[in-house]
Amino acid sequence: MNSLDRKIIDSVAETFGEVYERESDAIFRFCLLRTSDREVALDFTQDTFMRFWNSLLLEKDIKNHRTFLFTIARNVVIDWYRKKKSFSLESLMENAAEGRSSFNLAALDNVETNAEADFLIRKIRELPEPYSNAVYLRCVEELKPREISEILGESANVISVRISRGLEQLRTLLHLENVHTRTAKT
């Protein structure tokens, strides 16, 4: 191996390490919420980063590492559901567990807040597709509508509308849950 090859590999390894450190938890959560299986999510996270590594080695022009990783992870999950054939693409999207409204899961560190986050994630699972993907990526992963549009293959305007409508539906779900809880207590 010549010194130029070594420099390229060192540069790729450094970039990969930084991106992995920064994004691996988010990619794992994304896969876990879509599959509801921890082991599968770990495998998908590994597969996503292996594909990312190969893309870096091939010197692909990656403008936004985060967007690129989410696109890979989304494709890995879709491929898995297609291979299972017991689920349609619609059921993949319906069962996709999507985010919360305005807090970062990585910052959650007390039990009560984690319980609230779990509750909100369950409620967002109830959102119809296409809102759940947009809400998850915007609110949990804190991606911009432009980045989400690249991942989902829609315009940024469409994504903004989906986020807005999804959050409105989430508020309705939370209100109904609150009314149901209060009624059950009386």
Protein backbone atom coordinates (compact mmCIF):
# COMPACT_ATOMS: atom_id res chain seq x y z
CA MET A 1 0.00 0.00 0.00
CA ASN A 2 1.48 3.32 -1.01
CA SER A 3 1.45 6.46 1.10
CA LEU A 4 -1.37 8.05 -0.92
CA ASP A 5 -3.64 5.05 -0.29
CA ARG A 6 -2.75 5.14 3.39
CA LYS A 7 -3.61 8.85 3.61
CA ILE A 8 -6.96 8.25 1.92
CA ILE A 9 -7.81 5.41 4.30
CA ASP A 10 -6.71 7.46 7.32
CA SER A 11 -8.87 10.36 6.16
CA VAL A 12 -11.85 8.06 5.59
CA ALA A 13 -11.34 6.44 8.99
CA GLU A 14 -11.22 9.82 10.71
CA THR A 15 -14.38 11.05 8.97
CA PHE A 16 -16.14 7.76 9.63
CA GLY A 17 -15.22 7.83 13.33
CA GLU A 18 -16.48 11.37 13.81
CA VAL A 19 -19.75 10.70 11.98
CA TYR A 20 -20.27 7.38 13.76
CA GLU A 21 -19.77 8.99 17.15
CA ARG A 22 -22.21 11.77 16.30
CA GLU A 23 -24.94 9.82 14.45
CA SER A 24 -24.93 6.16 15.54
CA ASP A 25 -27.49 6.58 18.34
CA ALA A 26 -29.88 8.45 16.05
CA ILE A 27 -29.60 5.80 13.33
CA PHE A 28 -30.12 3.03 15.89
CA ARG A 29 -33.26 4.74 17.26
CA PHE A 30 -34.56 5.23 13.74
CA CYS A 31 -34.09 1.53 12.95
CA LEU A 32 -35.45 0.39 16.32
CA LEU A 33 -38.58 2.47 16.01
CA ARG A 34 -39.24 1.08 12.53
CA THR A 35 -38.62 -2.57 13.38
CA SER A 36 -39.49 -2.82 17.10
CA ASP A 37 -36.67 -5.35 17.41
CA ARG A 38 -33.45 -4.37 19.18
CA GLU A 39 -31.27 -7.03 17.52
CA VAL A 40 -32.55 -6.22 14.05
CA ALA A 41 -32.04 -2.51 14.72
CA LEU A 42 -28.44 -3.16 15.79
CA ASP A 43 -27.86 -5.17 12.61
CA PHE A 44 -29.40 -2.41 10.49
CA THR A 45 -27.30 0.24 12.20
CA GLN A 46 -24.17 -1.80 11.48
CA ASP A 47 -25.27 -2.35 7.88
CA THR A 48 -25.98 1.36 7.45
CA PHE A 49 -22.52 2.32 8.65
CA MET A 50 -20.84 -0.39 6.55
CA ARG A 51 -22.53 1.06 3.46
CA PHE A 52 -21.48 4.53 4.58
CA TRP A 53 -17.86 3.33 4.99
CA ASN A 54 -17.89 1.83 1.49
CA SER A 55 -19.29 5.06 0.07
CA LEU A 56 -16.52 7.03 1.75
CA LEU A 57 -13.90 4.64 0.34
CA LEU A 58 -15.38 5.06 -3.13
CA GLU A 59 -14.97 8.80 -2.60
CA LYS A 60 -18.63 9.50 -3.28
CA ASP A 61 -19.60 13.15 -3.00
CA ILE A 62 -21.63 13.16 0.22
CA LYS A 63 -22.90 16.65 0.95
CA ASN A 64 -24.67 15.89 4.22
CA HIS A 65 -23.56 12.82 6.18
CA ARG A 66 -26.67 12.79 8.40
CA THR A 67 -29.09 12.87 5.48
CA PHE A 68 -27.06 10.25 3.65
CA LEU A 69 -27.11 7.92 6.69
CA PHE A 70 -30.86 8.26 7.20
CA THR A 71 -31.42 7.53 3.51
CA ILE A 72 -29.30 4.38 3.78
CA ALA A 73 -31.07 3.30 6.99
CA ARG A 74 -34.50 3.91 5.46
CA ASN A 75 -33.54 1.82 2.42
CA VAL A 76 -32.18 -0.99 4.62
CA VAL A 77 -35.47 -1.12 6.53
CA ILE A 78 -37.55 -1.04 3.35
CA ASP A 79 -35.45 -3.84 1.84
CA TRP A 80 -35.97 -5.92 4.98
CA TYR A 81 -39.73 -5.50 4.85
CA ARG A 82 -39.77 -6.36 1.15
CA LYS A 83 -37.81 -9.54 1.84
CA LYS A 84 -40.15 -10.56 4.63
CA LYS A 85 -43.05 -10.33 2.17
CA SER A 86 -45.48 -10.80 5.01
CA PHE A 87 -45.77 -7.04 5.18
CA SER A 88 -46.66 -4.56 2.50
CA LEU A 89 -44.91 -1.25 2.12
CA GLU A 90 -48.03 0.36 3.59
CA SER A 91 -47.74 -1.72 6.75
CA LEU A 92 -44.07 -0.72 6.99
CA MET A 93 -45.08 2.90 7.01
CA GLU A 94 -48.05 2.34 9.35
CA ASN A 95 -45.88 0.47 11.82
CA ALA A 96 -43.01 2.94 11.64
CA ALA A 97 -42.54 4.35 15.08
CA GLU A 98 -42.04 8.05 14.73
CA GLY A 99 -40.90 10.81 17.05
CA ARG A 100 -42.19 13.41 19.40
CA SER A 101 -42.85 17.12 19.27
CA SER A 102 -39.92 19.22 20.48
CA PHE A 103 -37.30 17.58 22.66
CA ASN A 104 -34.15 15.66 21.93
CA LEU A 105 -34.23 12.00 23.00
CA ALA A 106 -30.48 12.02 23.51
CA ALA A 107 -30.95 14.65 26.20
CA LEU A 108 -33.49 12.63 28.18
CA ASP A 109 -31.98 11.41 31.39
CA ASN A 110 -34.66 10.98 34.01
CA VAL A 111 -37.27 8.25 34.27
CA GLU A 112 -40.29 10.53 34.17
CA THR A 113 -39.12 12.28 31.03
CA ASN A 114 -38.27 8.93 29.40
CA ALA A 115 -41.78 7.70 30.19
CA GLU A 116 -43.21 10.84 28.60
CA ALA A 117 -41.03 10.31 25.52
CA ASP A 118 -42.13 6.68 25.24
CA PHE A 119 -45.75 7.77 25.50
CA LEU A 120 -45.30 10.37 22.77
CA ILE A 121 -43.51 7.90 20.53
CA ARG A 122 -46.41 5.45 20.94
CA LYS A 123 -48.84 8.22 20.02
CA ILE A 124 -46.81 9.18 16.98
CA ARG A 125 -46.93 5.53 15.88
CA GLU A 126 -50.67 6.07 15.63
CA LEU A 127 -50.24 8.89 13.12
CA PRO A 128 -51.06 7.91 9.57
CA GLU A 129 -48.32 7.82 7.05
CA PRO A 130 -46.97 10.07 5.54
CA TYR A 131 -47.07 12.28 8.64
CA SER A 132 -45.24 9.95 11.02
CA ASN A 133 -41.98 9.89 9.04
CA ALA A 134 -41.90 13.64 8.65
CA VAL A 135 -42.72 14.29 12.32
CA TYR A 136 -40.14 11.77 13.53
CA LEU A 137 -37.31 13.09 11.40
CA ARG A 138 -38.11 16.72 12.22
CA CYS A 139 -38.81 16.45 15.93
CA VAL A 140 -36.73 13.54 17.15
CA GLU A 141 -33.77 13.70 14.81
CA GLU A 142 -34.07 17.48 14.43
CA LEU A 143 -33.55 17.42 10.68
CA LYS A 144 -34.55 20.41 8.60
CA PRO A 145 -37.43 20.05 6.11
CA ARG A 146 -34.89 20.30 3.28
CA GLU A 147 -32.93 17.34 4.70
CA ILE A 148 -36.12 15.35 5.24
CA SER A 149 -37.17 16.07 1.67
CA GLU A 150 -33.91 14.53 0.43
CA ILE A 151 -34.47 11.41 2.56
CA LEU A 152 -38.12 10.94 1.63
CA GLY A 153 -37.89 12.12 -1.96
CA GLU A 154 -40.48 14.90 -1.59
CA SER A 155 -40.26 18.67 -1.87
CA ALA A 156 -39.43 20.70 1.24
CA ASN A 157 -42.86 22.37 0.99
CA VAL A 158 -44.63 19.00 1.04
CA ILE A 159 -42.56 17.96 4.05
CA SER A 160 -43.36 21.19 5.91
CA VAL A 161 -47.08 20.63 5.34
CA ARG A 162 -46.78 17.01 6.53
CA ILE A 163 -44.97 18.11 9.68
CA SER A 164 -47.60 20.73 10.41
CA ARG A 165 -50.53 18.38 9.79
CA GLY A 166 -48.83 15.55 11.66
CA LEU A 167 -48.26 17.71 14.72
CA GLU A 168 -51.88 18.86 14.55
CA GLN A 169 -53.04 15.24 14.49
CA LEU A 170 -50.65 14.42 17.34
CA ARG A 171 -52.14 17.23 19.43
CA THR A 172 -55.61 15.78 18.74
CA LEU A 173 -54.46 12.29 19.77
CA LEU A 174 -52.92 13.65 22.95
CA HIS A 175 -56.06 15.64 23.75
CA LEU A 176 -58.24 12.54 23.25
CA GLU A 177 -55.89 10.52 25.47
CA ASN A 178 -56.07 13.22 28.14
CA VAL A 179 -59.89 13.30 28.00
CA HIS A 180 -60.02 9.48 28.14
CA THR A 181 -57.65 9.40 31.13
CA ARG A 182 -59.65 12.02 33.04
CA THR A 183 -62.93 10.23 32.28
CA ALA A 184 -61.52 6.90 33.46
CA LYS A 185 -60.42 8.43 36.78
CA THR A 186 -63.89 9.77 37.63
